[in-house]
């Protein structure tokens, strides 16, 4: 948000108010981040408790091992013997 006037042109009271305003903005932003992190951790905890997280991990591991097996087979096929 642009300031109504340059801080160089503000008197001491206006500068103090500006600093307080900036502090409040930072506190609000920090609270939003904390809330988002708390919500994210609760969602992950719910996934973990329900077993969904383990299922997702297993799925990724299966896909990774399948991909590495396919890569190894295609490498064997392309190498001259």
Protein backbone atom coordinates (compact mmCIF):
# COMPACT_ATOMS: atom_id res chain seq x y z
CA UNK A 1 0.00 0.00 0.00
CA UNK A 2 1.52 3.33 -0.99
CA UNK A 3 2.03 5.86 1.75
CA UNK A 4 0.07 9.13 1.61
CA UNK A 5 3.32 11.02 1.96
CA UNK A 6 7.03 10.41 2.13
CA UNK A 7 8.33 9.40 5.59
CA UNK A 8 10.89 12.22 5.34
CA UNK A 9 7.99 14.67 5.39
CA UNK A 10 6.23 13.05 8.37
CA UNK A 11 6.35 14.39 11.90
CA UNK A 12 7.36 12.21 14.84
CA UNK A 13 3.79 11.16 15.70
CA UNK A 14 3.08 10.13 12.12
CA UNK A 15 6.28 8.09 12.00
CA UNK A 16 5.35 6.35 15.24
CA UNK A 17 1.91 5.53 13.86
CA UNK A 18 3.50 4.25 10.65
CA UNK A 19 5.83 1.97 12.64
CA UNK A 20 2.91 0.65 14.72
CA UNK A 21 0.92 0.05 11.56
CA UNK A 22 3.81 -1.89 10.00
CA UNK A 23 4.21 -3.94 13.21
CA UNK A 24 0.52 -4.87 13.12
CA UNK A 25 0.78 -5.84 9.45
CA UNK A 26 3.74 -8.10 10.22
CA UNK A 27 1.93 -9.68 13.18
CA UNK A 28 -1.10 -10.41 11.03
CA UNK A 29 1.03 -11.94 8.26
CA UNK A 30 2.89 -14.05 10.81
CA UNK A 31 -0.40 -15.27 12.30
CA UNK A 32 -1.66 -16.21 8.83
CA UNK A 33 1.50 -18.23 8.20
CA UNK A 34 1.21 -19.96 11.59
CA UNK A 35 -2.43 -20.75 10.88
CA UNK A 36 -1.59 -22.18 7.46
CA UNK A 37 1.19 -24.32 8.90
CA UNK A 38 -1.05 -25.55 11.70
CA UNK A 39 -3.80 -26.42 9.25
CA UNK A 40 -1.33 -28.20 6.98
CA UNK A 41 0.10 -30.24 9.83
CA UNK A 42 -3.41 -31.23 10.97
CA UNK A 43 -4.26 -32.38 7.45
CA UNK A 44 -1.05 -34.43 7.24
CA UNK A 45 -1.73 -35.92 10.67
CA UNK A 46 -5.23 -36.90 9.56
CA UNK A 47 -3.84 -38.53 6.41
CA UNK A 48 -1.24 -40.38 8.46
CA UNK A 49 -3.77 -41.59 11.03
CA UNK A 50 -6.15 -42.80 8.33
CA UNK A 51 -3.43 -44.72 6.48
CA UNK A 52 -3.77 -42.66 3.32
CA UNK A 53 -0.24 -41.29 3.64
CA UNK A 54 1.28 -44.78 3.75
CA UNK A 55 -0.75 -45.78 0.70
CA UNK A 56 0.53 -42.75 -1.21
CA UNK A 57 4.13 -43.53 -0.19
CA UNK A 58 3.76 -47.15 -1.27
CA UNK A 59 2.29 -46.06 -4.60
CA UNK A 60 5.23 -43.71 -5.23
CA UNK A 61 7.71 -46.41 -4.27
CA UNK A 62 6.08 -48.93 -6.62
CA UNK A 63 6.09 -46.43 -9.48
CA UNK A 64 9.74 -45.54 -8.81
CA UNK A 65 10.83 -49.19 -8.75
CA UNK A 66 8.80 -49.96 -11.90
CA UNK A 67 10.38 -46.99 -13.66
CA UNK A 68 13.92 -48.00 -12.65
CA UNK A 69 13.24 -51.59 -13.82
CA UNK A 70 11.95 -50.30 -17.15
CA UNK A 71 14.98 -48.04 -17.52
CA UNK A 72 17.32 -50.95 -16.80
CA UNK A 73 15.55 -53.16 -19.37
CA UNK A 74 15.63 -50.49 -22.06
CA UNK A 75 19.30 -49.86 -21.37
CA UNK A 76 20.05 -53.58 -21.76
CA UNK A 77 18.13 -53.66 -25.02
CA UNK A 78 19.95 -50.68 -26.52
CA UNK A 79 23.47 -51.76 -25.52
CA UNK A 80 25.31 -53.82 -28.19
CA UNK A 81 26.36 -57.26 -27.04
